């Protein structure tokens, strides 16, 4: 069974991330944000729609990141 995590807990973890370089000129996420996104999806079962809303990217981009396509 996956653990539950609230939106406020996710936002707190995002705000605590160290500043990092953007992975690509087209992307808006840092390496740290991508790692956190994958962790939240894999360990907590957070869905693509919720992640895309919290990180400010489209759902398709979120899915590709979580599936290691990007």
PDB file of N, CA and C in Angstrom:
ATOM      1  N   UNK A   1       0.834  -1.182   0.000  1.00  0.00           N
ATOM      2  CA  UNK A   1       0.000   0.000   0.000  1.00  0.00           C
ATOM      3  C   UNK A   1       0.877   1.244   0.000  1.00  0.00           C
ATOM      4  N   UNK A   2       0.523   2.208  -0.829  1.00  0.00           N
ATOM      5  CA  UNK A   2       1.320   3.427  -0.914  1.00  0.00           C
ATOM      6  C   UNK A   2       0.931   4.391   0.198  1.00  0.00           C
ATOM      7  N   UNK A   3       1.883   5.194   0.598  1.00  0.00           N
ATOM      8  CA  UNK A   3       1.640   6.201   1.613  1.00  0.00           C
ATOM      9  C   UNK A   3       0.937   7.387   0.975  1.00  0.00           C
ATOM     10  N   UNK A   4       0.220   8.160   1.786  1.00  0.00           N
ATOM     11  CA  UNK A   4      -0.423   9.349   1.256  1.00  0.00           C
ATOM     12  C   UNK A   4       0.396  10.574   1.622  1.00  0.00           C
ATOM     13  N   UNK A   5       0.323  11.576   0.778  1.00  0.00           N
ATOM     14  CA  UNK A   5       1.051  12.814   1.003  1.00  0.00           C
ATOM     15  C   UNK A   5       0.150  13.958   0.534  1.00  0.00           C
ATOM     16  N   UNK A   6       0.100  15.030   1.305  1.00  0.00           N
ATOM     17  CA  UNK A   6      -0.777  16.148   0.974  1.00  0.00           C
ATOM     18  C   UNK A   6      -0.083  17.122   0.030  1.00  0.00           C
ATOM     19  N   UNK A   7      -0.885  17.959  -0.614  1.00  0.00           N
ATOM     20  CA  UNK A   7      -0.338  18.967  -1.517  1.00  0.00           C
ATOM     21  C   UNK A   7       0.584  19.923  -0.774  1.00  0.00           C
ATOM     22  N   UNK A   8       0.230  20.284   0.444  1.00  0.00           N
ATOM     23  CA  UNK A   8       1.074  21.216   1.206  1.00  0.00           C
ATOM     24  C   UNK A   8       2.426  20.585   1.553  1.00  0.00           C
ATOM     25  N   UNK A   9       2.447  19.288   1.820  1.00  0.00           N
ATOM     26  CA  UNK A   9       3.717  18.603   2.078  1.00  0.00           C
ATOM     27  C   UNK A   9       4.574  18.565   0.814  1.00  0.00           C
ATOM     28  N   UNK A  10       3.934  18.360  -0.336  1.00  0.00           N
ATOM     29  CA  UNK A  10       4.680  18.344  -1.599  1.00  0.00           C
ATOM     30  C   UNK A  10       5.239  19.728  -1.889  1.00  0.00           C
ATOM     31  N   UNK A  11       4.421  20.767  -1.708  1.00  0.00           N
ATOM     32  CA  UNK A  11       4.901  22.139  -1.940  1.00  0.00           C
ATOM     33  C   UNK A  11       6.062  22.480  -1.016  1.00  0.00           C
ATOM     34  N   UNK A  12       6.011  22.009   0.230  1.00  0.00           N
ATOM     35  CA  UNK A  12       7.108  22.257   1.169  1.00  0.00           C
ATOM     36  C   UNK A  12       8.387  21.582   0.691  1.00  0.00           C
ATOM     37  N   UNK A  13       8.272  20.368   0.170  1.00  0.00           N
ATOM     38  CA  UNK A  13       9.454  19.664  -0.338  1.00  0.00           C
ATOM     39  C   UNK A  13      10.009  20.340  -1.583  1.00  0.00           C
ATOM     40  N   UNK A  14       9.123  20.864  -2.440  1.00  0.00           N
ATOM     41  CA  UNK A  14       9.576  21.572  -3.641  1.00  0.00           C
ATOM     42  C   UNK A  14      10.329  22.834  -3.247  1.00  0.00           C
ATOM     43  N   UNK A  15       9.812  23.560  -2.260  1.00  0.00           N
ATOM     44  CA  UNK A  15      10.451  24.814  -1.847  1.00  0.00           C
ATOM     45  C   UNK A  15      11.805  24.583  -1.168  1.00  0.00           C
ATOM     46  N   UNK A  16      12.032  23.398  -0.633  1.00  0.00           N
ATOM     47  CA  UNK A  16      13.287  23.088   0.044  1.00  0.00           C
ATOM     48  C   UNK A  16      14.377  22.603  -0.908  1.00  0.00           C
ATOM     49  N   UNK A  17      14.038  22.397  -2.176  1.00  0.00           N
ATOM     50  CA  UNK A  17      15.026  21.907  -3.131  1.00  0.00           C
ATOM     51  C   UNK A  17      16.104  22.954  -3.362  1.00  0.00           C
ATOM     52  N   UNK A  18      17.346  22.514  -3.501  1.00  0.00           N
ATOM     53  CA  UNK A  18      18.421  23.471  -3.776  1.00  0.00           C
ATOM     54  C   UNK A  18      18.288  24.011  -5.198  1.00  0.00           C
ATOM     55  N   UNK A  19      18.796  25.213  -5.424  1.00  0.00           N
ATOM     56  CA  UNK A  19      18.750  25.718  -6.802  1.00  0.00           C
ATOM     57  C   UNK A  19      19.639  24.861  -7.693  1.00  0.00           C
ATOM     58  N   UNK A  20      19.189  24.630  -8.870  1.00  0.00           N
ATOM     59  CA  UNK A  20      19.959  23.791  -9.778  1.00  0.00           C
ATOM     60  C   UNK A  20      19.828  24.297 -11.189  1.00  0.00           C
ATOM     61  N   UNK A  21      20.573  23.684 -12.055  1.00  0.00           N
ATOM     62  CA  UNK A  21      20.518  24.125 -13.437  1.00  0.00           C
ATOM     63  C   UNK A  21      19.299  23.511 -14.123  1.00  0.00           C
ATOM     64  N   UNK A  22      18.788  24.229 -15.083  1.00  0.00           N
ATOM     65  CA  UNK A  22      17.687  23.724 -15.884  1.00  0.00           C
ATOM     66  C   UNK A  22      18.260  22.633 -16.790  1.00  0.00           C
ATOM     67  N   UNK A  23      17.518  21.541 -16.942  1.00  0.00           N
ATOM     68  CA  UNK A  23      18.035  20.396 -17.686  1.00  0.00           C
ATOM     69  C   UNK A  23      18.108  20.656 -19.183  1.00  0.00           C
ATOM     70  N   UNK A  24      17.264  21.527 -19.706  1.00  0.00           N
ATOM     71  CA  UNK A  24      17.193  21.751 -21.134  1.00  0.00           C
ATOM     72  C   UNK A  24      16.598  23.141 -21.354  1.00  0.00           C
ATOM     73  N   UNK A  25      16.932  23.774 -22.452  1.00  0.00           N
ATOM     74  CA  UNK A  25      16.427  25.116 -22.726  1.00  0.00           C
ATOM     75  C   UNK A  25      14.906  25.122 -22.866  1.00  0.00           C
ATOM     76  N   UNK A  26      14.332  24.016 -23.308  1.00  0.00           N
ATOM     77  CA  UNK A  26      12.877  23.938 -23.495  1.00  0.00           C
ATOM     78  C   UNK A  26      12.149  23.600 -22.204  1.00  0.00           C
ATOM     79  N   UNK A  27      12.847  23.059 -21.252  1.00  0.00           N
ATOM     80  CA  UNK A  27      12.208  22.601 -20.023  1.00  0.00           C
ATOM     81  C   UNK A  27      12.255  23.660 -18.938  1.00  0.00           C
ATOM     82  N   UNK A  28      11.354  23.540 -17.995  1.00  0.00           N
ATOM     83  CA  UNK A  28      11.270  24.502 -16.910  1.00  0.00           C
ATOM     84  C   UNK A  28      11.651  23.900 -15.570  1.00  0.00           C
ATOM     85  N   UNK A  29      12.048  22.642 -15.544  1.00  0.00           N
ATOM     86  CA  UNK A  29      12.335  21.951 -14.289  1.00  0.00           C
ATOM     87  C   UNK A  29      13.827  21.716 -14.106  1.00  0.00           C
ATOM     88  N   UNK A  30      14.257  21.745 -12.856  1.00  0.00           N
ATOM     89  CA  UNK A  30      15.644  21.430 -12.551  1.00  0.00           C
ATOM     90  C   UNK A  30      15.789  19.923 -12.371  1.00  0.00           C
ATOM     91  N   UNK A  31      17.005  19.475 -12.295  1.00  0.00           N
ATOM     92  CA  UNK A  31      17.289  18.055 -12.071  1.00  0.00           C
ATOM     93  C   UNK A  31      16.682  17.603 -10.740  1.00  0.00           C
ATOM     94  N   UNK A  32      16.763  18.474  -9.737  1.00  0.00           N
ATOM     95  CA  UNK A  32      16.221  18.142  -8.413  1.00  0.00           C
ATOM     96  C   UNK A  32      14.706  17.978  -8.461  1.00  0.00           C
ATOM     97  N   UNK A  33      14.033  18.850  -9.213  1.00  0.00           N
ATOM     98  CA  UNK A  33      12.582  18.765  -9.327  1.00  0.00           C
ATOM     99  C   UNK A  33      12.159  17.494 -10.060  1.00  0.00           C
ATOM    100  N   UNK A  34      12.911  17.128 -11.081  1.00  0.00           N
ATOM    101  CA  UNK A  34      12.601  15.907 -11.825  1.00  0.00           C
ATOM    102  C   UNK A  34      12.762  14.687 -10.926  1.00  0.00           C
ATOM    103  N   UNK A  35      13.824  14.643 -10.141  1.00  0.00           N
ATOM    104  CA  UNK A  35      14.028  13.524  -9.213  1.00  0.00           C
ATOM    105  C   UNK A  35      12.895  13.448  -8.192  1.00  0.00           C
ATOM    106  N   UNK A  36      12.481  14.599  -7.667  1.00  0.00           N
ATOM    107  CA  UNK A  36      11.384  14.621  -6.693  1.00  0.00           C
ATOM    108  C   UNK A  36      10.084  14.170  -7.340  1.00  0.00           C
ATOM    109  N   UNK A  37       9.829  14.602  -8.564  1.00  0.00           N
ATOM    110  CA  UNK A  37       8.613  14.211  -9.265  1.00  0.00           C
ATOM    111  C   UNK A  37       8.554  12.693  -9.436  1.00  0.00           C
ATOM    112  N   UNK A  38       9.663  12.109  -9.840  1.00  0.00           N
ATOM    113  CA  UNK A  38       9.704  10.653 -10.026  1.00  0.00           C
ATOM    114  C   UNK A  38       9.532   9.926  -8.695  1.00  0.00           C
ATOM    115  N   UNK A  39      10.160  10.442  -7.645  1.00  0.00           N
ATOM    116  CA  UNK A  39      10.023   9.835  -6.314  1.00  0.00           C
ATOM    117  C   UNK A  39       8.578   9.881  -5.841  1.00  0.00           C
ATOM    118  N   UNK A  40       7.926  11.015  -5.994  1.00  0.00           N
ATOM    119  CA  UNK A  40       6.536  11.149  -5.563  1.00  0.00           C
ATOM    120  C   UNK A  40       5.627  10.199  -6.330  1.00  0.00           C
ATOM    121  N   UNK A  41       5.881  10.036  -7.613  1.00  0.00           N
ATOM    122  CA  UNK A  41       5.049   9.137  -8.411  1.00  0.00           C
ATOM    123  C   UNK A  41       5.294   7.674  -8.048  1.00  0.00           C
ATOM    124  N   UNK A  42       6.567   7.302  -7.910  1.00  0.00           N
ATOM    125  CA  UNK A  42       6.898   5.900  -7.656  1.00  0.00           C
ATOM    126  C   UNK A  42       6.617   5.482  -6.216  1.00  0.00           C
ATOM    127  N   UNK A  43       6.996   6.305  -5.243  1.00  0.00           N
ATOM    128  CA  UNK A  43       6.887   5.910  -3.840  1.00  0.00           C
ATOM    129  C   UNK A  43       5.536   6.226  -3.206  1.00  0.00           C
ATOM    130  N   UNK A  44       4.913   7.313  -3.652  1.00  0.00           N
ATOM    131  CA  UNK A  44       3.658   7.741  -3.033  1.00  0.00           C
ATOM    132  C   UNK A  44       2.450   7.554  -3.942  1.00  0.00           C
ATOM    133  N   UNK A  45       2.674   7.201  -5.181  1.00  0.00           N
ATOM    134  CA  UNK A  45       1.569   6.972  -6.100  1.00  0.00           C
ATOM    135  C   UNK A  45       0.833   8.237  -6.507  1.00  0.00           C
ATOM    136  N   UNK A  46       1.518   9.372  -6.465  1.00  0.00           N
ATOM    137  CA  UNK A  46       0.897  10.633  -6.861  1.00  0.00           C
ATOM    138  C   UNK A  46       0.692  10.603  -8.377  1.00  0.00           C
ATOM    139  N   UNK A  47      -0.500  10.970  -8.824  1.00  0.00           N
ATOM    140  CA  UNK A  47      -0.856  10.890 -10.232  1.00  0.00           C
ATOM    141  C   UNK A  47      -0.254  11.999 -11.080  1.00  0.00           C
ATOM    142  N   UNK A  48      -0.292  11.771 -12.391  1.00  0.00           N
ATOM    143  CA  UNK A  48       0.276  12.727 -13.336  1.00  0.00           C
ATOM    144  C   UNK A  48      -0.421  14.083 -13.260  1.00  0.00           C
ATOM    145  N   UNK A  49      -1.735  14.083 -13.177  1.00  0.00           N
ATOM    146  CA  UNK A  49      -2.482  15.341 -13.156  1.00  0.00           C
ATOM    147  C   UNK A  49      -2.114  16.175 -11.934  1.00  0.00           C
ATOM    148  N   UNK A  50      -2.036  15.536 -10.797  1.00  0.00           N
ATOM    149  CA  UNK A  50      -1.681  16.253  -9.560  1.00  0.00           C
ATOM    150  C   UNK A  50      -0.244  16.775  -9.619  1.00  0.00           C
ATOM    151  N   UNK A  51       0.672  15.946 -10.109  1.00  0.00           N
ATOM    152  CA  UNK A  51       2.063  16.386 -10.243  1.00  0.00           C
ATOM    153  C   UNK A  51       2.190  17.544 -11.223  1.00  0.00           C
ATOM    154  N   UNK A  52       1.489  17.462 -12.342  1.00  0.00           N
ATOM    155  CA  UNK A  52       1.593  18.535 -13.332  1.00  0.00           C
ATOM    156  C   UNK A  52       1.069  19.844 -12.772  1.00  0.00           C
ATOM    157  N   UNK A  53       0.015  19.785 -11.955  1.00  0.00           N
ATOM    158  CA  UNK A  53      -0.522  20.991 -11.330  1.00  0.00           C
ATOM    159  C   UNK A  53       0.467  21.572 -10.330  1.00  0.00           C
ATOM    160  N   UNK A  54       1.100  20.732  -9.537  1.00  0.00           N
ATOM    161  CA  UNK A  54       2.019  21.200  -8.500  1.00  0.00           C
ATOM    162  C   UNK A  54       3.339  21.724  -9.064  1.00  0.00           C
ATOM    163  N   UNK A  55       3.816  21.131 -10.151  1.00  0.00           N
ATOM    164  CA  UNK A  55       5.098  21.538 -10.730  1.00  0.00           C
ATOM    165  C   UNK A  55       4.946  22.545 -11.866  1.00  0.00           C
ATOM    166  N   UNK A  56       3.718  22.781 -12.324  1.00  0.00           N
ATOM    167  CA  UNK A  56       3.484  23.787 -13.346  1.00  0.00           C
ATOM    168  C   UNK A  56       3.880  23.389 -14.749  1.00  0.00           C
ATOM    169  N   UNK A  57       3.760  22.098 -15.063  1.00  0.00           N
ATOM    170  CA  UNK A  57       4.042  21.620 -16.418  1.00  0.00           C
ATOM    171  C   UNK A  57       2.836  20.814 -16.896  1.00  0.00           C
ATOM    172  N   UNK A  58       2.766  20.537 -18.198  1.00  0.00           N
ATOM    173  CA  UNK A  58       1.618  19.808 -18.726  1.00  0.00           C
ATOM    174  C   UNK A  58       1.671  18.331 -18.307  1.00  0.00           C
ATOM    175  N   UNK A  59       0.508  17.700 -18.378  1.00  0.00           N
ATOM    176  CA  UNK A  59       0.390  16.305 -17.938  1.00  0.00           C
ATOM    177  C   UNK A  59       1.204  15.358 -18.811  1.00  0.00           C
ATOM    178  N   UNK A  60       1.266  15.615 -20.107  1.00  0.00           N
ATOM    179  CA  UNK A  60       2.043  14.765 -21.008  1.00  0.00           C
ATOM    180  C   UNK A  60       3.524  14.820 -20.662  1.00  0.00           C
ATOM    181  N   UNK A  61       4.019  16.011 -20.385  1.00  0.00           N
ATOM    182  CA  UNK A  61       5.429  16.169 -20.002  1.00  0.00           C
ATOM    183  C   UNK A  61       5.706  15.446 -18.681  1.00  0.00           C
ATOM    184  N   UNK A  62       4.781  15.552 -17.748  1.00  0.00           N
ATOM    185  CA  UNK A  62       4.913  14.864 -16.460  1.00  0.00           C
ATOM    186  C   UNK A  62       4.980  13.356 -16.657  1.00  0.00           C
ATOM    187  N   UNK A  63       4.109  12.831 -17.505  1.00  0.00           N
ATOM    188  CA  UNK A  63       4.097  11.388 -17.760  1.00  0.00           C
ATOM    189  C   UNK A  63       5.425  10.937 -18.360  1.00  0.00           C
ATOM    190  N   UNK A  64       5.940  11.698 -19.317  1.00  0.00           N
ATOM    191  CA  UNK A  64       7.213  11.343 -19.957  1.00  0.00           C
ATOM    192  C   UNK A  64       8.364  11.357 -18.958  1.00  0.00           C
ATOM    193  N   UNK A  65       8.349  12.306 -18.043  1.00  0.00           N
ATOM    194  CA  UNK A  65       9.397  12.363 -17.015  1.00  0.00           C
ATOM    195  C   UNK A  65       9.301  11.146 -16.104  1.00  0.00           C
ATOM    196  N   UNK A  66       8.086  10.823 -15.652  1.00  0.00           N
ATOM    197  CA  UNK A  66       7.908   9.702 -14.726  1.00  0.00           C
ATOM    198  C   UNK A  66       8.219   8.349 -15.367  1.00  0.00           C
ATOM    199  N   UNK A  67       8.039   8.257 -16.672  1.00  0.00           N
ATOM    200  CA  UNK A  67       8.351   7.019 -17.390  1.00  0.00           C
ATOM    201  C   UNK A  67       9.785   6.997 -17.914  1.00  0.00           C
ATOM    202  N   UNK A  68      10.598   7.979 -17.506  1.00  0.00           N
ATOM    203  CA  UNK A  68      12.003   8.089 -17.903  1.00  0.00           C
ATOM    204  C   UNK A  68      12.172   8.218 -19.414  1.00  0.00           C
ATOM    205  N   UNK A  69      11.190   8.827 -20.077  1.00  0.00           N
ATOM    206  CA  UNK A  69      11.308   9.096 -21.505  1.00  0.00           C
ATOM    207  C   UNK A  69      12.017  10.422 -21.746  1.00  0.00           C
ATOM    208  N   UNK A  70      12.135  11.246 -20.726  1.00  0.00           N
ATOM    209  CA  UNK A  70      12.825  12.538 -20.822  1.00  0.00           C
ATOM    210  C   UNK A  70      13.841  12.629 -19.718  1.00  0.00           C
TER     211      UNK A  70
END
